[in-house]
Protein backbone atom coordinates (compact mmCIF):
# COMPACT_ATOMS: atom_id res chain seq x y z
CA MET A 1 -11.95 33.05 -35.13
CA LYS A 2 -8.89 31.06 -36.20
CA ILE A 3 -6.66 33.08 -33.87
CA ALA A 4 -8.95 32.40 -30.92
CA THR A 5 -8.90 28.67 -31.69
CA LEU A 6 -5.12 28.71 -32.04
CA LEU A 7 -4.71 30.56 -28.71
CA LEU A 8 -7.10 28.20 -26.94
CA THR A 9 -5.23 25.18 -28.31
CA PHE A 10 -1.90 26.65 -27.23
CA ALA A 11 -3.24 27.41 -23.74
CA ALA A 12 -4.65 23.89 -23.39
CA CYS A 13 -1.36 22.30 -24.48
CA PHE A 14 0.66 24.46 -22.10
CA PHE A 15 -1.50 24.73 -18.96
CA LEU A 16 -3.22 21.32 -18.73
CA PRO A 17 0.03 19.37 -18.16
CA LEU A 18 0.94 21.85 -15.39
CA ALA A 19 -2.43 21.37 -13.70
CA HIS A 20 -2.08 17.58 -13.74
CA ALA A 21 1.51 17.70 -12.47
CA ALA A 22 0.27 19.26 -9.22
CA ASP A 23 -2.10 16.30 -8.71
CA LYS A 24 0.68 13.71 -8.73
CA PRO A 25 2.04 12.64 -5.34
CA ALA A 26 5.66 13.33 -4.49
CA ALA A 27 6.26 9.62 -3.75
CA THR A 28 4.46 6.36 -3.09
CA SER A 29 4.96 3.63 -0.55
CA THR A 30 3.62 0.09 -0.50
CA ILE A 31 2.41 -1.50 2.72
CA GLU A 32 1.73 -5.20 3.16
CA ALA A 33 -0.33 -6.56 6.06
CA VAL A 34 -0.66 -10.16 7.24
CA LEU A 35 -3.66 -11.18 9.35
CA VAL A 36 -2.76 -13.77 11.99
CA VAL A 37 -4.87 -15.37 14.72
CA ALA A 38 -2.99 -16.24 17.92
CA SER A 39 -4.02 -18.74 20.59
CA LYS A 40 -2.75 -19.75 24.03
CA ALA A 41 -3.60 -23.40 23.21
CA PRO A 42 -0.86 -25.45 21.54
CA GLY A 43 -1.57 -26.27 17.92
CA LYS A 44 -0.11 -27.38 14.64
CA PRO A 45 2.32 -24.76 13.24
CA ASP A 46 1.20 -22.96 10.08
CA PRO A 47 3.90 -23.43 7.40
CA ARG A 48 3.19 -19.97 5.93
CA LEU A 49 4.32 -18.43 9.23
CA ALA A 50 7.41 -20.61 9.74
CA ALA A 51 9.79 -17.69 9.12
CA TYR A 52 8.02 -15.53 11.74
CA GLU A 53 6.93 -18.08 14.35
CA ALA A 54 9.89 -17.70 16.73
CA THR A 55 9.54 -13.92 16.73
CA LEU A 56 5.76 -14.11 17.19
CA ARG A 57 6.13 -16.46 20.18
CA ARG A 58 8.79 -14.28 21.80
CA VAL A 59 7.03 -10.94 21.27
CA LEU A 60 3.35 -11.89 21.63
CA ARG A 61 3.76 -14.84 24.06
CA PHE A 62 1.15 -17.09 22.46
CA GLU A 63 1.52 -20.80 21.70
CA SER A 64 0.08 -21.15 18.19
CA PHE A 65 -0.54 -18.90 15.21
CA GLN A 66 -2.76 -19.29 12.16
CA PHE A 67 -2.41 -17.34 8.91
CA LEU A 68 -5.76 -15.86 7.76
CA GLY A 69 -4.88 -13.51 4.92
CA ARG A 70 -2.61 -10.98 3.31
CA ALA A 71 -3.29 -7.60 1.67
CA ARG A 72 -1.22 -4.91 -0.01
CA ALA A 73 -1.92 -1.20 -0.51
CA THR A 74 -0.06 1.64 -2.20
CA LEU A 75 -0.16 5.00 -0.45
CA ALA A 76 0.58 8.47 -1.80
CA ILE A 77 3.09 10.51 0.20
CA PRO A 78 2.19 13.05 1.44
CA GLY A 79 -1.38 12.01 1.80
C-alpha cells in the first residue's frame, strides 16, 4: 500500500505541472478601447481628447467629439 501511495504521489508531482503548462497561453496582449461620440454640430472640445482631436477631425470629418468611457482587456494569444 505504501508503494502505491508513493507512486501516485510521484505521478501527481510529475504529470500535473505538465498538464497545466499546456493550458497556459503562448503570449498575452492588452487592448485598450476609448468610446467617443462624434457630432457634426460645433461644440466645446473635450480636454480628455485634446491629443487626438486633430486626427479625429481629419479622419472622421466631424466637428465635435465627446469622451464617454475607456476599457482595457487582456487577450490570450493564440485564442
